[in-house]
Each structure stands twice: as C-alpha cells, then as structure tokens.
PDB file of N, CA and C in Angstrom:
ATOM      1  N   MET A   1     134.861  47.747-149.402  1.00  0.00           N
ATOM      2  CA  MET A   1     135.170  48.723-148.670  1.00  0.00           C
ATOM      3  C   MET A   1     133.777  49.560-148.490  1.00  0.00           C
ATOM      4  N   LEU A   2     133.575  50.292-147.682  1.00  0.00           N
ATOM      5  CA  LEU A   2     132.482  51.102-147.569  1.00  0.00           C
ATOM      6  C   LEU A   2     132.884  52.507-147.991  1.00  0.00           C
ATOM      7  N   GLU A   3     132.021  53.043-148.920  1.00  0.00           N
ATOM      8  CA  GLU A   3     132.268  54.519-149.232  1.00  0.00           C
ATOM      9  C   GLU A   3     131.071  55.413-148.971  1.00  0.00           C
ATOM     10  N   ALA A   4     131.022  56.447-148.761  1.00  0.00           N
ATOM     11  CA  ALA A   4     130.056  57.629-148.656  1.00  0.00           C
ATOM     12  C   ALA A   4     129.653  57.980-150.067  1.00  0.00           C
ATOM     13  N   ARG A   5     128.259  57.923-150.125  1.00  0.00           N
ATOM     14  CA  ARG A   5     128.185  58.684-151.762  1.00  0.00           C
ATOM     15  C   ARG A   5     126.757  59.548-151.506  1.00  0.00           C
ATOM     16  N   GLN A   6     126.437  60.551-152.075  1.00  0.00           N
ATOM     17  CA  GLN A   6     125.372  61.433-151.941  1.00  0.00           C
ATOM     18  C   GLN A   6     124.355  61.033-153.187  1.00  0.00           C
ATOM     19  N   ARG A   7     123.168  61.091-152.463  1.00  0.00           N
ATOM     20  CA  ARG A   7     122.213  60.853-153.566  1.00  0.00           C
ATOM     21  C   ARG A   7     120.822  61.624-153.626  1.00  0.00           C
ATOM     22  N   THR A   8     120.154  61.897-154.709  1.00  0.00           N
ATOM     23  CA  THR A   8     118.873  62.439-154.571  1.00  0.00           C
ATOM     24  C   THR A   8     117.860  61.549-153.953  1.00  0.00           C
ATOM     25  N   VAL A   9     117.034  62.105-152.883  1.00  0.00           N
ATOM     26  CA  VAL A   9     115.866  61.505-152.323  1.00  0.00           C
ATOM     27  C   VAL A   9     114.642  62.265-152.171  1.00  0.00           C
ATOM     28  N   TYR A  10     113.504  61.861-152.670  1.00  0.00           N
ATOM     29  CA  TYR A  10     112.249  62.631-152.896  1.00  0.00           C
ATOM     30  C   TYR A  10     111.285  62.158-151.555  1.00  0.00           C
ATOM     31  N   TYR A  11     110.760  63.379-151.173  1.00  0.00           N
ATOM     32  CA  TYR A  11     109.911  63.028-149.939  1.00  0.00           C
ATOM     33  C   TYR A  11     108.544  63.491-150.095  1.00  0.00           C
ATOM     34  N   SER A  12     107.883  62.506-149.703  1.00  0.00           N
ATOM     35  CA  SER A  12     106.063  62.956-149.930  1.00  0.00           C
ATOM     36  C   SER A  12     105.545  63.109-148.364  1.00  0.00           C
ATOM     37  N   PRO A  13     105.489  64.501-148.333  1.00  0.00           N
ATOM     38  CA  PRO A  13     104.765  64.969-147.031  1.00  0.00           C
ATOM     39  C   PRO A  13     103.409  64.715-146.754  1.00  0.00           C
ATOM     40  N   ARG A  14     102.532  64.059-147.555  1.00  0.00           N
ATOM     41  CA  ARG A  14     101.440  63.292-147.177  1.00  0.00           C
ATOM     42  C   ARG A  14     101.488  61.934-146.713  1.00  0.00           C
ATOM     43  N   ARG A  15     102.458  61.379-147.222  1.00  0.00           N
ATOM     44  CA  ARG A  15     103.028  59.842-146.566  1.00  0.00           C
ATOM     45  C   ARG A  15     103.847  60.093-145.517  1.00  0.00           C
ATOM     46  N   ARG A  16     104.486  61.015-145.589  1.00  0.00           N
ATOM     47  CA  ARG A  16     105.746  61.382-144.597  1.00  0.00           C
ATOM     48  C   ARG A  16     106.863  60.186-144.286  1.00  0.00           C
ATOM     49  N   ARG A  17     107.284  60.174-145.780  1.00  0.00           N
ATOM     50  CA  ARG A  17     108.318  58.952-145.940  1.00  0.00           C
ATOM     51  C   ARG A  17     109.150  59.348-147.237  1.00  0.00           C
ATOM     52  N   HIS A  18     110.387  59.021-147.411  1.00  0.00           N
ATOM     53  CA  HIS A  18     111.260  59.507-148.199  1.00  0.00           C
ATOM     54  C   HIS A  18     111.386  58.177-149.559  1.00  0.00           C
ATOM     55  N   PHE A  19     111.437  58.756-150.550  1.00  0.00           N
ATOM     56  CA  PHE A  19     111.333  57.567-151.478  1.00  0.00           C
ATOM     57  C   PHE A  19     112.784  57.881-152.296  1.00  0.00           C
ATOM     58  N   LEU A  20     113.371  56.922-153.104  1.00  0.00           N
ATOM     59  CA  LEU A  20     114.580  56.898-153.794  1.00  0.00           C
ATOM     60  C   LEU A  20     114.248  57.249-155.274  1.00  0.00           C
ATOM     61  N   THR A  21     113.195  57.148-155.527  1.00  0.00           N
ATOM     62  CA  THR A  21     112.649  57.344-157.348  1.00  0.00           C
ATOM     63  C   THR A  21     111.826  58.341-157.335  1.00  0.00           C
ATOM     64  N   LEU A  22     111.644  59.157-158.131  1.00  0.00           N
ATOM     65  CA  LEU A  22     110.630  60.363-158.327  1.00  0.00           C
ATOM     66  C   LEU A  22     109.282  59.692-158.459  1.00  0.00           C
ATOM     67  N   ARG A  23     109.261  58.782-159.207  1.00  0.00           N
ATOM     68  CA  ARG A  23     108.089  58.315-159.514  1.00  0.00           C
ATOM     69  C   ARG A  23     107.494  57.354-158.211  1.00  0.00           C
ATOM     70  N   GLY A  24     107.979  56.620-157.463  1.00  0.00           N
ATOM     71  CA  GLY A  24     107.647  56.124-156.230  1.00  0.00           C
ATOM     72  C   GLY A  24     107.117  57.543-155.478  1.00  0.00           C
ATOM     73  N   ALA A  25     107.904  58.428-155.474  1.00  0.00           N
ATOM     74  CA  ALA A  25     107.335  59.529-154.514  1.00  0.00           C
ATOM     75  C   ALA A  25     106.014  60.419-154.652  1.00  0.00           C
ATOM     76  N   ALA A  26     106.075  60.318-156.236  1.00  0.00           N
ATOM     77  CA  ALA A  26     104.780  60.880-156.975  1.00  0.00           C
ATOM     78  C   ALA A  26     103.416  59.802-156.843  1.00  0.00           C
ATOM     79  N   GLU A  27     103.979  58.756-157.065  1.00  0.00           N
ATOM     80  CA  GLU A  27     102.828  57.761-156.688  1.00  0.00           C
ATOM     81  C   GLU A  27     102.075  57.764-155.254  1.00  0.00           C
ATOM     82  N   ALA A  28     103.034  57.794-154.401  1.00  0.00           N
ATOM     83  CA  ALA A  28     102.585  57.905-152.923  1.00  0.00           C
ATOM     84  C   ALA A  28     102.005  58.883-152.800  1.00  0.00           C
ATOM     85  N   GLU A  29     102.481  60.224-152.924  1.00  0.00           N
ATOM     86  CA  GLU A  29     101.660  61.403-152.933  1.00  0.00           C
ATOM     87  C   GLU A  29     100.181  61.251-153.623  1.00  0.00           C
ATOM     88  N   ALA A  30     100.251  60.940-154.627  1.00  0.00           N
ATOM     89  CA  ALA A  30      98.763  60.887-155.434  1.00  0.00           C
ATOM     90  C   ALA A  30      98.121  59.983-154.544  1.00  0.00           C
ATOM     91  N   ASP A  31      98.443  58.572-154.370  1.00  0.00           N
ATOM     92  CA  ASP A  31      97.676  57.720-153.460  1.00  0.00           C
ATOM     93  C   ASP A  31      96.963  58.321-152.556  1.00  0.00           C
ATOM     94  N   ALA A  32      97.853  58.973-151.392  1.00  0.00           N
ATOM     95  CA  ALA A  32      97.629  59.612-150.075  1.00  0.00           C
ATOM     96  C   ALA A  32      96.489  60.657-150.467  1.00  0.00           C
ATOM     97  N   ARG A  33      96.624  61.311-151.662  1.00  0.00           N
ATOM     98  CA  ARG A  33      95.888  62.580-151.655  1.00  0.00           C
ATOM     99  C   ARG A  33      94.364  61.857-152.152  1.00  0.00           C
ATOM    100  N   MET A  34      94.661  60.970-152.999  1.00  0.00           N
ATOM    101  CA  MET A  34      92.926  60.194-153.360  1.00  0.00           C
ATOM    102  C   MET A  34      92.478  59.497-152.358  1.00  0.00           C
ATOM    103  N   PHE A  35      93.220  58.870-151.402  1.00  0.00           N
ATOM    104  CA  PHE A  35      92.559  58.194-150.110  1.00  0.00           C
ATOM    105  C   PHE A  35      92.005  59.089-149.306  1.00  0.00           C
ATOM    106  N   ARG A  36      92.423  60.419-149.198  1.00  0.00           N
ATOM    107  CA  ARG A  36      92.026  61.388-148.240  1.00  0.00           C
ATOM    108  C   ARG A  36      90.771  61.942-148.908  1.00  0.00           C
ATOM    109  N   LEU A  37      90.728  62.139-150.249  1.00  0.00           N
ATOM    110  CA  LEU A  37      89.433  62.442-150.823  1.00  0.00           C
ATOM    111  C   LEU A  37      88.115  61.368-150.724  1.00  0.00           C
ATOM    112  N   PHE A  38      88.907  60.047-151.208  1.00  0.00           N
ATOM    113  CA  PHE A  38      87.868  59.079-151.280  1.00  0.00           C
ATOM    114  C   PHE A  38      88.196  58.015-150.301  1.00  0.00           C
ATOM    115  N   PRO A  39      87.984  57.982-149.107  1.00  0.00           N
ATOM    116  CA  PRO A  39      88.298  57.063-148.301  1.00  0.00           C
ATOM    117  C   PRO A  39      87.951  55.582-148.514  1.00  0.00           C
ATOM    118  N   SER A  40      88.387  54.659-148.372  1.00  0.00           N
ATOM    119  CA  SER A  40      88.155  53.243-148.402  1.00  0.00           C
ATOM    120  C   SER A  40      87.115  52.697-147.289  1.00  0.00           C
ATOM    121  N   GLU A  41      86.322  51.795-147.657  1.00  0.00           N
ATOM    122  CA  GLU A  41      85.187  51.386-146.620  1.00  0.00           C
ATOM    123  C   GLU A  41      85.055  49.980-146.908  1.00  0.00           C
ATOM    124  N   GLU A  42      85.215  49.281-145.799  1.00  0.00           N
ATOM    125  CA  GLU A  42      85.199  47.681-145.591  1.00  0.00           C
ATOM    126  C   GLU A  42      83.572  47.263-145.916  1.00  0.00           C
ATOM    127  N   PRO A  43      83.857  45.934-146.589  1.00  0.00           N
ATOM    128  CA  PRO A  43      82.473  45.381-147.142  1.00  0.00           C
ATOM    129  C   PRO A  43      81.616  45.306-145.852  1.00  0.00           C
ATOM    130  N   GLU A  44      80.174  45.215-145.966  1.00  0.00           N
ATOM    131  CA  GLU A  44      79.475  44.942-144.951  1.00  0.00           C
ATOM    132  C   GLU A  44      79.053  43.474-145.345  1.00  0.00           C
ATOM    133  N   ARG A  45      78.782  42.744-143.907  1.00  0.00           N
ATOM    134  CA  ARG A  45      78.376  41.140-144.279  1.00  0.00           C
ATOM    135  C   ARG A  45      77.200  41.048-143.336  1.00  0.00           C
ATOM    136  N   ASP A  46      76.392  40.350-143.682  1.00  0.00           N
ATOM    137  CA  ASP A  46      75.229  39.655-142.930  1.00  0.00           C
ATOM    138  C   ASP A  46      75.560  38.996-141.655  1.00  0.00           C
ATOM    139  N   GLY A  47      75.425  38.968-140.590  1.00  0.00           N
ATOM    140  CA  GLY A  47      75.677  38.303-139.250  1.00  0.00           C
ATOM    141  C   GLY A  47      75.346  36.862-139.298  1.00  0.00           C
ATOM    142  N   ASP A  48      74.272  36.342-139.731  1.00  0.00           N
ATOM    143  CA  ASP A  48      73.630  35.160-139.442  1.00  0.00           C
ATOM    144  C   ASP A  48      74.530  34.106-140.970  1.00  0.00           C
ATOM    145  N   TYR A  49      74.390  34.849-141.967  1.00  0.00           N
ATOM    146  CA  TYR A  49      74.723  33.831-143.303  1.00  0.00           C
ATOM    147  C   TYR A  49      76.223  34.477-143.836  1.00  0.00           C
ATOM    148  N   ASN A  50      76.673  35.233-143.245  1.00  0.00           N
ATOM    149  CA  ASN A  50      78.061  36.058-143.844  1.00  0.00           C
ATOM    150  C   ASN A  50      77.892  36.310-144.965  1.00  0.00           C
ATOM    151  N   GLN A  51      77.237  36.660-145.604  1.00  0.00           N
ATOM    152  CA  GLN A  51      77.025  37.073-146.951  1.00  0.00           C
ATOM    153  C   GLN A  51      77.230  38.691-147.137  1.00  0.00           C
ATOM    154  N   ILE A  52      77.968  38.994-148.221  1.00  0.00           N
ATOM    155  CA  ILE A  52      78.340  40.458-148.438  1.00  0.00           C
ATOM    156  C   ILE A  52      77.043  41.214-148.722  1.00  0.00           C
ATOM    157  N   ILE A  53      76.781  42.307-147.941  1.00  0.00           N
ATOM    158  CA  ILE A  53      75.382  42.945-148.076  1.00  0.00           C
ATOM    159  C   ILE A  53      75.805  44.113-148.937  1.00  0.00           C
ATOM    160  N   TRP A  54      77.020  44.694-148.991  1.00  0.00           N
ATOM    161  CA  TRP A  54      77.391  45.882-149.652  1.00  0.00           C
ATOM    162  C   TRP A  54      78.874  45.462-149.481  1.00  0.00           C
ATOM    163  N   PRO A  55      79.442  45.824-150.997  1.00  0.00           N
ATOM    164  CA  PRO A  55      80.944  45.031-151.260  1.00  0.00           C
ATOM    165  C   PRO A  55      82.075  46.114-150.954  1.00  0.00           C
ATOM    166  N   GLY A  56      81.564  47.353-150.396  1.00  0.00           N
ATOM    167  CA  GLY A  56      82.641  48.383-149.961  1.00  0.00           C
ATOM    168  C   GLY A  56      83.116  49.136-150.959  1.00  0.00           C
ATOM    169  N   PHE A  57      84.194  49.934-150.708  1.00  0.00           N
ATOM    170  CA  PHE A  57      84.411  51.145-151.703  1.00  0.00           C
ATOM    171  C   PHE A  57      86.098  51.110-151.547  1.00  0.00           C
ATOM    172  N   CYS A  58      86.523  51.560-152.855  1.00  0.00           N
ATOM    173  CA  CYS A  58      88.074  51.671-153.082  1.00  0.00           C
ATOM    174  C   CYS A  58      87.891  52.304-154.379  1.00  0.00           C
ATOM    175  N   PHE A  59      88.639  53.438-154.241  1.00  0.00           N
ATOM    176  CA  PHE A  59      88.723  54.509-155.524  1.00  0.00           C
ATOM    177  C   PHE A  59      89.799  53.643-156.699  1.00  0.00           C
ATOM    178  N   ARG A  60      90.586  52.528-156.206  1.00  0.00           N
ATOM    179  CA  ARG A  60      90.903  52.184-157.568  1.00  0.00           C
ATOM    180  C   ARG A  60      90.038  51.111-158.178  1.00  0.00           C
ATOM    181  N   ASP A  61      88.685  50.792-157.571  1.00  0.00           N
ATOM    182  CA  ASP A  61      87.816  50.076-158.305  1.00  0.00           C
ATOM    183  C   ASP A  61      87.043  50.879-159.311  1.00  0.00           C
ATOM    184  N   VAL A  62      87.150  52.210-159.510  1.00  0.00           N
ATOM    185  CA  VAL A  62      86.377  53.144-160.330  1.00  0.00           C
ATOM    186  C   VAL A  62      87.374  53.489-161.538  1.00  0.00           C
ATOM    187  N   PRO A  63      87.451  53.230-162.537  1.00  0.00           N
ATOM    188  CA  PRO A  63      88.270  53.797-163.746  1.00  0.00           C
ATOM    189  C   PRO A  63      88.608  54.967-163.794  1.00  0.00           C
ATOM    190  N   ARG A  64      87.654  55.802-163.715  1.00  0.00           N
ATOM    191  CA  ARG A  64      87.534  57.441-163.804  1.00  0.00           C
ATOM    192  C   ARG A  64      88.480  57.805-162.709  1.00  0.00           C
ATOM    193  N   LEU A  65      88.472  57.291-161.456  1.00  0.00           N
ATOM    194  CA  LEU A  65      89.334  57.660-160.433  1.00  0.00           C
ATOM    195  C   LEU A  65      90.468  57.191-160.529  1.00  0.00           C
ATOM    196  N   VAL A  66      90.786  56.182-161.171  1.00  0.00           N
ATOM    197  CA  VAL A  66      92.378  55.619-161.115  1.00  0.00           C
ATOM    198  C   VAL A  66      93.040  56.600-162.481  1.00  0.00           C
ATOM    199  N   ALA A  67      92.270  57.047-163.442  1.00  0.00           N
ATOM    200  CA  ALA A  67      92.803  57.956-164.524  1.00  0.00           C
ATOM    201  C   ALA A  67      92.981  59.533-163.993  1.00  0.00           C
ATOM    202  N   VAL A  68      92.345  59.772-162.748  1.00  0.00           N
ATOM    203  CA  VAL A  68      92.461  60.974-162.031  1.00  0.00           C
ATOM    204  C   VAL A  68      93.822  60.849-161.156  1.00  0.00           C
ATOM    205  N   ARG A  69      93.762  59.488-160.375  1.00  0.00           N
ATOM    206  CA  ARG A  69      95.255  59.352-159.929  1.00  0.00           C
ATOM    207  C   ARG A  69      96.488  59.158-160.783  1.00  0.00           C
ATOM    208  N   ASP A  70      96.239  58.961-162.018  1.00  0.00           N
ATOM    209  CA  ASP A  70      97.406  58.809-163.269  1.00  0.00           C
ATOM    210  C   ASP A  70      97.742  60.385-163.364  1.00  0.00           C
ATOM    211  N   ARG A  71      96.879  61.054-163.524  1.00  0.00           N
ATOM    212  CA  ARG A  71      96.996  62.367-163.798  1.00  0.00           C
ATOM    213  C   ARG A  71      97.787  62.888-162.782  1.00  0.00           C
ATOM    214  N   LEU A  72      97.531  62.826-161.703  1.00  0.00           N
ATOM    215  CA  LEU A  72      98.099  63.439-160.640  1.00  0.00           C
ATOM    216  C   LEU A  72      99.623  63.034-160.512  1.00  0.00           C
ATOM    217  N   VAL A  73      99.753  61.923-160.716  1.00  0.00           N
ATOM    218  CA  VAL A  73     101.196  61.298-160.682  1.00  0.00           C
ATOM    219  C   VAL A  73     102.162  62.331-161.714  1.00  0.00           C
ATOM    220  N   LYS A  74     101.420  62.278-162.789  1.00  0.00           N
ATOM    221  CA  LYS A  74     102.174  62.957-164.086  1.00  0.00           C
ATOM    222  C   LYS A  74     102.653  64.384-163.714  1.00  0.00           C
ATOM    223  N   ARG A  75     101.356  64.992-163.346  1.00  0.00           N
ATOM    224  CA  ARG A  75     101.617  66.694-162.836  1.00  0.00           C
ATOM    225  C   ARG A  75     102.422  66.503-161.443  1.00  0.00           C
ATOM    226  N   TYR A  76     102.469  65.685-160.504  1.00  0.00           N
ATOM    227  CA  TYR A  76     103.663  65.931-159.463  1.00  0.00           C
ATOM    228  C   TYR A  76     105.202  65.536-159.952  1.00  0.00           C
ATOM    229  N   MET A  77     104.978  64.631-160.933  1.00  0.00           N
ATOM    230  CA  MET A  77     106.402  64.527-161.647  1.00  0.00           C
ATOM    231  C   MET A  77     107.029  65.829-162.368  1.00  0.00           C
ATOM    232  N   ALA A  78     106.104  66.231-163.309  1.00  0.00           N
ATOM    233  CA  ALA A  78     106.624  67.660-164.087  1.00  0.00           C
ATOM    234  C   ALA A  78     106.682  68.693-162.930  1.00  0.00           C
ATOM    235  N   ALA A  79     105.797  68.815-161.912  1.00  0.00           N
ATOM    236  CA  ALA A  79     106.007  69.698-161.036  1.00  0.00           C
ATOM    237  C   ALA A  79     107.757  69.932-160.093  1.00  0.00           C
ATOM    238  N   ILE A  80     108.090  68.587-160.013  1.00  0.00           N
ATOM    239  CA  ILE A  80     109.448  68.404-159.517  1.00  0.00           C
ATOM    240  C   ILE A  80     110.326  68.443-160.602  1.00  0.00           C
ATOM    241  N   LYS A  81     110.063  68.368-161.389  1.00  0.00           N
ATOM    242  CA  LYS A  81     111.346  68.371-162.695  1.00  0.00           C
ATOM    243  C   LYS A  81     111.494  69.693-163.051  1.00  0.00           C
ATOM    244  N   ASN A  82     110.312  70.643-162.829  1.00  0.00           N
ATOM    245  CA  ASN A  82     110.358  72.371-163.080  1.00  0.00           C
ATOM    246  C   ASN A  82     110.620  72.740-161.790  1.00  0.00           C
ATOM    247  N   GLY A  83     111.142  72.114-160.820  1.00  0.00           N
ATOM    248  CA  GLY A  83     111.782  73.145-159.662  1.00  0.00           C
ATOM    249  C   GLY A  83     110.380  73.669-158.697  1.00  0.00           C
ATOM    250  N   GLU A  84     109.534  73.312-158.854  1.00  0.00           N
ATOM    251  CA  GLU A  84     108.268  73.515-158.190  1.00  0.00           C
ATOM    252  C   GLU A  84     107.938  72.737-157.052  1.00  0.00           C
ATOM    253  N   THR A  85     107.272  73.365-155.866  1.00  0.00           N
ATOM    254  CA  THR A  85     106.979  72.420-154.849  1.00  0.00           C
ATOM    255  C   THR A  85     105.184  72.215-154.953  1.00  0.00           C
ATOM    256  N   THR A  86     104.797  70.738-154.430  1.00  0.00           N
ATOM    257  CA  THR A  86     103.668  70.468-154.579  1.00  0.00           C
ATOM    258  C   THR A  86     103.011  70.709-153.402  1.00  0.00           C
ATOM    259  N   LYS A  87     101.516  71.088-153.459  1.00  0.00           N
ATOM    260  CA  LYS A  87     100.692  71.388-152.165  1.00  0.00           C
ATOM    261  C   LYS A  87      99.569  70.304-152.247  1.00  0.00           C
TER     262      LYS A  87
END
C-alpha cells in the first residue's frame, strides 16, 4: 500500500537541482562554485601524431583547490544547520 510522507529536501541554486541529503547538496553547490571560478579545459593534442601537447586543467587535480572545495562543503553544511542561506 502506498502512503504519502513529507521529507526534507535540499536545493542547490547553482546546480538548479534538489538533493535528498545535506552533504549531497553542499557538495554540488561547492563543485558548481569551483567550476565557475576554475573552469575545466580539455587537453590539447597534436594533429599529426595525436600526442598530448597540453594536458588540460581541472581543479580536482590541484590539492590546494580540493582543500578549498572541502572547506566550502563544510561551510555550506554549517550554514544550513544554523538556518542561514548561502550565496
């Protein structure tokens, strides 16, 4: 038998998506913010030999930026728990 239940969902405005867990929403919001500030770039290849000239960029390859993202996740989670809105 089906029954209706209410459950808290979290919305990530930068991702424009709803998440069932606070951590999922905080990680999505932090990822979206990091990708906006540090956009990913595709690797550049040589046309003749298909060798990689430039390996590309993703903030997840830089440990310092991964630490910044982790701090953002913690800050977003704390803000929601304290009843604040994130911008």
